[in-house]
Amino acid sequence: MSTASGPRRFSHVAVLLGGLSAERKVSLDSGAACAAALESAGYKVTRIDAGRDLAARLAEVRPQVCFNALHGRWGEDGCVQGLLECYQIPYTGSGVLASAIAMHKERAKAVMSAAGVPVGSCTAPMPSSEMPT
């Protein structure tokens, strides 16, 4: 297979969808749409509903690359990215550190501010367990 820019580097793509977060439904929908688009472009696609057995599924399927369509915790917070790094499987999206920082909004703002990016002011809400009575 080739594209307008030359030969494709990967032909077998695993689309990671579903997952463990509260955003599972959104991930199932967006992952299915991404998988369909990749298939229509000529890629061999394996859909993986990413659960706690993800490592075993990746070992079984042996994709050349993963398209991460997971949303929320575990899929966007660096956990799945770390697993893919361990298996040396290239993947879409940000890496482990960037994903972890982006999920923690206060830390993300601190990093962006330190890099000179203007950020708005905010106040982080206090957990109810720490509120004065």
N, C-alpha and C. Protein backbone atom coordinates (compact mmCIF):
# COMPACT_ATOMS: atom_id res chain seq x y z
N MET A 1 0.83 -1.19 0.00
CA MET A 1 0.00 0.00 0.00
C MET A 1 0.87 1.24 0.00
N SER A 2 0.36 2.25 -0.64
CA SER A 2 1.08 3.52 -0.61
C SER A 2 0.07 4.66 -0.52
N THR A 3 0.59 5.80 -0.14
CA THR A 3 -0.24 7.00 -0.04
C THR A 3 0.29 8.00 -1.04
N ALA A 4 -0.35 9.16 -1.10
CA ALA A 4 0.11 10.20 -2.01
C ALA A 4 1.53 10.62 -1.67
N SER A 5 1.94 10.43 -0.41
CA SER A 5 3.28 10.86 0.00
C SER A 5 4.30 9.72 -0.06
N GLY A 6 3.88 8.53 -0.48
CA GLY A 6 4.83 7.42 -0.59
C GLY A 6 4.31 6.17 0.07
N PRO A 7 5.18 5.15 0.20
CA PRO A 7 4.75 3.87 0.77
C PRO A 7 4.33 4.02 2.24
N ARG A 8 3.35 3.25 2.63
CA ARG A 8 2.91 3.26 4.02
C ARG A 8 3.90 2.50 4.88
N ARG A 9 4.11 3.01 6.06
CA ARG A 9 5.03 2.38 6.99
C ARG A 9 4.37 1.22 7.72
N PHE A 10 3.05 1.31 7.93
CA PHE A 10 2.30 0.29 8.67
C PHE A 10 1.12 -0.17 7.83
N SER A 11 0.78 -1.44 7.93
CA SER A 11 -0.42 -1.92 7.25
C SER A 11 -1.45 -2.49 8.23
N HIS A 12 -0.99 -2.95 9.41
CA HIS A 12 -1.91 -3.53 10.40
C HIS A 12 -2.02 -2.58 11.59
N VAL A 13 -3.21 -2.03 11.76
CA VAL A 13 -3.48 -1.05 12.81
C VAL A 13 -4.46 -1.64 13.82
N ALA A 14 -4.12 -1.59 15.09
CA ALA A 14 -5.07 -1.93 16.14
C ALA A 14 -5.70 -0.64 16.63
N VAL A 15 -7.01 -0.56 16.58
CA VAL A 15 -7.72 0.60 17.12
C VAL A 15 -8.16 0.25 18.53
N LEU A 16 -7.63 0.99 19.50
CA LEU A 16 -7.99 0.79 20.90
C LEU A 16 -9.22 1.63 21.20
N LEU A 17 -10.28 0.98 21.65
CA LEU A 17 -11.52 1.69 21.90
C LEU A 17 -12.20 1.13 23.15
N GLY A 18 -13.22 1.84 23.60
CA GLY A 18 -13.95 1.39 24.78
C GLY A 18 -13.25 1.80 26.05
N GLY A 19 -12.53 0.86 26.63
CA GLY A 19 -11.75 1.18 27.82
C GLY A 19 -12.54 1.11 29.11
N LEU A 20 -11.90 1.61 30.16
CA LEU A 20 -12.42 1.47 31.51
C LEU A 20 -13.01 2.74 32.10
N SER A 21 -12.92 3.85 31.39
CA SER A 21 -13.33 5.13 31.98
C SER A 21 -14.82 5.38 31.84
N ALA A 22 -15.27 6.43 32.46
CA ALA A 22 -16.66 6.86 32.35
C ALA A 22 -16.98 7.32 30.93
N GLU A 23 -15.97 7.54 30.12
CA GLU A 23 -16.15 7.99 28.74
C GLU A 23 -16.14 6.83 27.75
N ARG A 24 -16.40 5.63 28.24
CA ARG A 24 -16.36 4.41 27.42
C ARG A 24 -17.25 4.52 26.17
N LYS A 25 -18.48 4.99 26.32
CA LYS A 25 -19.41 5.07 25.20
C LYS A 25 -18.88 5.97 24.09
N VAL A 26 -18.34 7.12 24.47
CA VAL A 26 -17.77 8.04 23.49
C VAL A 26 -16.62 7.36 22.75
N SER A 27 -15.79 6.64 23.49
CA SER A 27 -14.65 5.95 22.90
C SER A 27 -15.09 4.83 21.95
N LEU A 28 -16.14 4.11 22.31
CA LEU A 28 -16.65 3.06 21.42
C LEU A 28 -17.12 3.67 20.10
N ASP A 29 -17.82 4.79 20.19
CA ASP A 29 -18.33 5.45 18.99
C ASP A 29 -17.21 6.03 18.13
N SER A 30 -16.31 6.79 18.76
CA SER A 30 -15.23 7.41 17.98
C SER A 30 -14.26 6.36 17.47
N GLY A 31 -14.00 5.33 18.26
CA GLY A 31 -13.11 4.26 17.82
C GLY A 31 -13.66 3.51 16.62
N ALA A 32 -14.98 3.25 16.64
CA ALA A 32 -15.61 2.56 15.51
C ALA A 32 -15.51 3.41 14.24
N ALA A 33 -15.71 4.72 14.38
CA ALA A 33 -15.61 5.62 13.22
C ALA A 33 -14.17 5.66 12.69
N CYS A 34 -13.19 5.71 13.58
CA CYS A 34 -11.79 5.72 13.16
C CYS A 34 -11.42 4.41 12.47
N ALA A 35 -11.87 3.28 13.03
CA ALA A 35 -11.58 1.98 12.44
C ALA A 35 -12.18 1.88 11.04
N ALA A 36 -13.41 2.35 10.88
CA ALA A 36 -14.06 2.31 9.57
C ALA A 36 -13.30 3.17 8.56
N ALA A 37 -12.85 4.34 8.99
CA ALA A 37 -12.09 5.22 8.09
C ALA A 37 -10.77 4.58 7.68
N LEU A 38 -10.09 3.95 8.63
CA LEU A 38 -8.83 3.28 8.31
C LEU A 38 -9.05 2.10 7.35
N GLU A 39 -10.12 1.35 7.60
CA GLU A 39 -10.44 0.23 6.70
C GLU A 39 -10.74 0.73 5.29
N SER A 40 -11.49 1.81 5.19
CA SER A 40 -11.83 2.34 3.86
C SER A 40 -10.59 2.88 3.15
N ALA A 41 -9.56 3.21 3.92
CA ALA A 41 -8.29 3.68 3.33
C ALA A 41 -7.37 2.50 2.99
N GLY A 42 -7.83 1.27 3.27
CA GLY A 42 -7.07 0.10 2.87
C GLY A 42 -6.22 -0.55 3.93
N TYR A 43 -6.34 -0.11 5.17
CA TYR A 43 -5.55 -0.71 6.25
C TYR A 43 -6.23 -1.97 6.77
N LYS A 44 -5.43 -2.92 7.23
CA LYS A 44 -5.95 -4.05 8.00
C LYS A 44 -6.15 -3.51 9.42
N VAL A 45 -7.37 -3.62 9.94
CA VAL A 45 -7.70 -3.04 11.24
C VAL A 45 -8.21 -4.13 12.18
N THR A 46 -7.68 -4.12 13.39
CA THR A 46 -8.20 -4.96 14.46
C THR A 46 -8.70 -4.03 15.55
N ARG A 47 -9.98 -4.17 15.87
CA ARG A 47 -10.57 -3.38 16.96
C ARG A 47 -10.30 -4.11 18.27
N ILE A 48 -9.75 -3.39 19.24
CA ILE A 48 -9.50 -3.97 20.57
C ILE A 48 -10.25 -3.16 21.60
N ASP A 49 -11.23 -3.80 22.24
CA ASP A 49 -11.93 -3.17 23.36
C ASP A 49 -10.99 -3.27 24.55
N ALA A 50 -10.38 -2.16 24.88
CA ALA A 50 -9.27 -2.13 25.83
C ALA A 50 -9.75 -2.31 27.26
N GLY A 51 -9.54 -3.50 27.79
CA GLY A 51 -9.84 -3.79 29.19
C GLY A 51 -8.57 -4.14 29.93
N ARG A 52 -8.72 -4.74 31.07
CA ARG A 52 -7.55 -5.11 31.88
C ARG A 52 -6.69 -6.18 31.21
N ASP A 53 -7.22 -6.80 30.17
CA ASP A 53 -6.48 -7.82 29.43
C ASP A 53 -5.76 -7.24 28.21
N LEU A 54 -5.59 -5.92 28.17
CA LEU A 54 -5.02 -5.27 27.00
C LEU A 54 -3.64 -5.82 26.63
N ALA A 55 -2.78 -6.04 27.60
CA ALA A 55 -1.45 -6.56 27.29
C ALA A 55 -1.53 -7.91 26.57
N ALA A 56 -2.40 -8.78 27.06
CA ALA A 56 -2.56 -10.10 26.43
C ALA A 56 -3.13 -9.96 25.02
N ARG A 57 -4.08 -9.06 24.85
CA ARG A 57 -4.68 -8.85 23.52
C ARG A 57 -3.66 -8.31 22.52
N LEU A 58 -2.81 -7.40 22.98
CA LEU A 58 -1.77 -6.87 22.10
C LEU A 58 -0.78 -7.96 21.70
N ALA A 59 -0.42 -8.82 22.65
CA ALA A 59 0.50 -9.92 22.36
C ALA A 59 -0.13 -10.89 21.36
N GLU A 60 -1.42 -11.07 21.47
CA GLU A 60 -2.14 -11.98 20.57
C GLU A 60 -2.28 -11.40 19.16
N VAL A 61 -2.65 -10.13 19.08
CA VAL A 61 -2.94 -9.48 17.81
C VAL A 61 -1.68 -9.05 17.07
N ARG A 62 -0.67 -8.61 17.82
CA ARG A 62 0.63 -8.18 17.28
C ARG A 62 0.49 -7.10 16.18
N PRO A 63 -0.14 -5.98 16.53
CA PRO A 63 -0.28 -4.91 15.53
C PRO A 63 1.04 -4.22 15.26
N GLN A 64 1.12 -3.58 14.11
CA GLN A 64 2.32 -2.79 13.79
C GLN A 64 2.25 -1.42 14.45
N VAL A 65 1.03 -0.94 14.68
CA VAL A 65 0.82 0.38 15.27
C VAL A 65 -0.55 0.38 15.94
N CYS A 66 -0.73 1.21 16.96
CA CYS A 66 -2.03 1.36 17.62
C CYS A 66 -2.57 2.76 17.41
N PHE A 67 -3.84 2.82 17.07
CA PHE A 67 -4.57 4.08 17.02
C PHE A 67 -5.34 4.17 18.33
N ASN A 68 -4.95 5.10 19.18
CA ASN A 68 -5.56 5.21 20.50
C ASN A 68 -6.82 6.07 20.43
N ALA A 69 -7.98 5.42 20.47
CA ALA A 69 -9.26 6.13 20.46
C ALA A 69 -9.89 6.09 21.85
N LEU A 70 -9.08 5.83 22.87
CA LEU A 70 -9.58 5.77 24.24
C LEU A 70 -9.75 7.19 24.78
N HIS A 71 -10.73 7.36 25.65
CA HIS A 71 -11.01 8.65 26.26
C HIS A 71 -10.95 8.52 27.77
N GLY A 72 -10.52 9.59 28.44
CA GLY A 72 -10.54 9.61 29.90
C GLY A 72 -9.39 8.86 30.53
N ARG A 73 -9.58 8.61 31.83
CA ARG A 73 -8.53 7.94 32.60
C ARG A 73 -8.18 6.60 31.98
N TRP A 74 -6.94 6.24 32.15
CA TRP A 74 -6.33 5.01 31.68
C TRP A 74 -5.99 5.10 30.20
N GLY A 75 -6.85 5.67 29.40
CA GLY A 75 -6.58 5.78 27.97
C GLY A 75 -5.84 7.04 27.57
N GLU A 76 -6.03 8.10 28.36
CA GLU A 76 -5.41 9.39 28.03
C GLU A 76 -4.44 9.87 29.09
N ASP A 77 -4.24 9.12 30.15
CA ASP A 77 -3.43 9.62 31.27
C ASP A 77 -2.01 9.07 31.32
N GLY A 78 -1.59 8.39 30.28
CA GLY A 78 -0.22 7.86 30.23
C GLY A 78 -0.13 6.37 30.52
N CYS A 79 -1.17 5.78 31.08
CA CYS A 79 -1.12 4.34 31.43
C CYS A 79 -1.02 3.47 30.19
N VAL A 80 -1.95 3.62 29.26
CA VAL A 80 -1.93 2.81 28.04
C VAL A 80 -0.69 3.16 27.22
N GLN A 81 -0.33 4.43 27.19
CA GLN A 81 0.87 4.84 26.46
C GLN A 81 2.10 4.12 27.02
N GLY A 82 2.19 4.00 28.35
CA GLY A 82 3.31 3.30 28.97
C GLY A 82 3.33 1.83 28.59
N LEU A 83 2.17 1.20 28.55
CA LEU A 83 2.09 -0.20 28.13
C LEU A 83 2.57 -0.36 26.69
N LEU A 84 2.12 0.54 25.83
CA LEU A 84 2.54 0.47 24.42
C LEU A 84 4.04 0.71 24.28
N GLU A 85 4.59 1.60 25.09
CA GLU A 85 6.04 1.81 25.10
C GLU A 85 6.77 0.53 25.50
N CYS A 86 6.27 -0.14 26.54
CA CYS A 86 6.90 -1.39 26.99
C CYS A 86 6.90 -2.44 25.89
N TYR A 87 5.82 -2.51 25.13
CA TYR A 87 5.71 -3.48 24.04
C TYR A 87 6.36 -2.98 22.75
N GLN A 88 6.88 -1.77 22.78
CA GLN A 88 7.53 -1.14 21.63
C GLN A 88 6.60 -1.07 20.42
N ILE A 89 5.33 -0.72 20.69
CA ILE A 89 4.35 -0.56 19.63
C ILE A 89 4.12 0.94 19.43
N PRO A 90 4.40 1.45 18.24
CA PRO A 90 4.13 2.86 17.98
C PRO A 90 2.63 3.14 18.13
N TYR A 91 2.29 4.38 18.50
CA TYR A 91 0.90 4.73 18.73
C TYR A 91 0.65 6.18 18.40
N THR A 92 -0.62 6.50 18.22
CA THR A 92 -1.01 7.88 17.93
C THR A 92 -1.13 8.66 19.24
N GLY A 93 -1.07 9.96 19.12
CA GLY A 93 -1.27 10.81 20.29
C GLY A 93 0.01 11.14 21.02
N SER A 94 -0.16 11.74 22.16
CA SER A 94 0.97 12.17 22.99
C SER A 94 1.61 10.99 23.70
N GLY A 95 2.83 11.20 24.16
CA GLY A 95 3.55 10.18 24.90
C GLY A 95 3.11 10.09 26.36
N VAL A 96 3.85 9.30 27.11
CA VAL A 96 3.49 9.01 28.50
C VAL A 96 3.46 10.28 29.35
N LEU A 97 4.55 11.03 29.35
CA LEU A 97 4.64 12.20 30.22
C LEU A 97 3.64 13.28 29.84
N ALA A 98 3.57 13.60 28.55
CA ALA A 98 2.63 14.64 28.11
C ALA A 98 1.19 14.25 28.44
N SER A 99 0.86 12.98 28.26
CA SER A 99 -0.49 12.51 28.58
C SER A 99 -0.78 12.65 30.06
N ALA A 100 0.18 12.24 30.89
CA ALA A 100 -0.01 12.30 32.34
C ALA A 100 -0.17 13.75 32.81
N ILE A 101 0.66 14.64 32.29
CA ILE A 101 0.58 16.04 32.69
C ILE A 101 -0.74 16.66 32.21
N ALA A 102 -1.14 16.36 30.99
CA ALA A 102 -2.35 16.97 30.44
C ALA A 102 -3.60 16.56 31.22
N MET A 103 -3.60 15.37 31.80
CA MET A 103 -4.77 14.93 32.58
C MET A 103 -4.87 15.64 33.92
N HIS A 104 -3.77 16.22 34.38
CA HIS A 104 -3.77 16.95 35.65
C HIS A 104 -3.72 18.43 35.30
N LYS A 105 -4.86 19.07 35.26
CA LYS A 105 -4.97 20.43 34.72
C LYS A 105 -4.10 21.45 35.44
N GLU A 106 -3.97 21.36 36.76
CA GLU A 106 -3.12 22.31 37.48
C GLU A 106 -1.66 22.16 37.05
N ARG A 107 -1.21 20.93 36.93
CA ARG A 107 0.19 20.71 36.51
C ARG A 107 0.39 21.13 35.06
N ALA A 108 -0.59 20.87 34.22
CA ALA A 108 -0.49 21.28 32.82
C ALA A 108 -0.36 22.80 32.72
N LYS A 109 -1.16 23.52 33.50
CA LYS A 109 -1.07 24.98 33.50
C LYS A 109 0.31 25.44 33.98
N ALA A 110 0.84 24.78 35.00
CA ALA A 110 2.16 25.16 35.53
C ALA A 110 3.24 24.94 34.46
N VAL A 111 3.18 23.85 33.76
CA VAL A 111 4.17 23.56 32.70
C VAL A 111 4.05 24.58 31.58
N MET A 112 2.81 24.85 31.16
CA MET A 112 2.60 25.82 30.08
C MET A 112 3.06 27.22 30.49
N SER A 113 2.75 27.61 31.71
CA SER A 113 3.16 28.92 32.20
C SER A 113 4.68 29.03 32.25
N ALA A 114 5.34 27.97 32.73
CA ALA A 114 6.81 27.97 32.79
C ALA A 114 7.43 28.06 31.41
N ALA A 115 6.71 27.60 30.39
CA ALA A 115 7.21 27.68 29.01
C ALA A 115 6.86 29.01 28.35
N GLY A 116 6.21 29.90 29.11
CA GLY A 116 5.91 31.22 28.57
C GLY A 116 4.56 31.32 27.87
N VAL A 117 3.75 30.30 27.97
CA VAL A 117 2.42 30.33 27.35
C VAL A 117 1.46 31.01 28.33
N PRO A 118 0.75 32.03 27.90
CA PRO A 118 -0.18 32.70 28.80
C PRO A 118 -1.31 31.73 29.20
N VAL A 119 -1.60 31.69 30.48
CA VAL A 119 -2.69 30.85 30.99
C VAL A 119 -3.58 31.71 31.89
N GLY A 120 -4.85 31.37 31.92
CA GLY A 120 -5.79 32.10 32.75
C GLY A 120 -5.64 31.71 34.21
N SER A 121 -6.13 32.58 35.08
CA SER A 121 -6.09 32.25 36.50
C SER A 121 -7.26 31.34 36.83
N CYS A 122 -7.09 30.56 37.87
CA CYS A 122 -8.17 29.68 38.30
C CYS A 122 -7.95 29.29 39.75
N THR A 123 -8.97 28.74 40.34
CA THR A 123 -8.88 28.21 41.69
C THR A 123 -9.35 26.78 41.64
N ALA A 124 -8.53 25.87 42.13
CA ALA A 124 -8.91 24.47 42.14
C ALA A 124 -9.89 24.24 43.28
N PRO A 125 -10.98 23.54 43.01
CA PRO A 125 -11.94 23.27 44.08
C PRO A 125 -11.33 22.36 45.13
N MET A 126 -11.77 22.54 46.34
CA MET A 126 -11.29 21.74 47.47
C MET A 126 -12.19 20.51 47.58
N PRO A 127 -11.60 19.32 47.75
CA PRO A 127 -12.44 18.14 47.98
C PRO A 127 -13.32 18.36 49.21
N SER A 128 -14.55 17.85 49.17
CA SER A 128 -15.48 18.08 50.26
C SER A 128 -14.94 17.54 51.58
N SER A 129 -14.10 16.52 51.53
CA SER A 129 -13.53 15.96 52.75
C SER A 129 -12.56 16.92 53.42
N GLU A 130 -12.07 17.94 52.68
CA GLU A 130 -11.12 18.89 53.24
C GLU A 130 -11.75 20.24 53.55
N MET A 131 -13.04 20.37 53.31
CA MET A 131 -13.70 21.65 53.54
C MET A 131 -13.90 21.89 55.03
N PRO A 132 -13.69 23.13 55.44
CA PRO A 132 -13.90 23.44 56.86
C PRO A 132 -15.38 23.30 57.22
N THR A 133 -15.63 22.88 58.45
CA THR A 133 -17.03 22.72 58.89
C THR A 133 -17.47 23.85 59.77
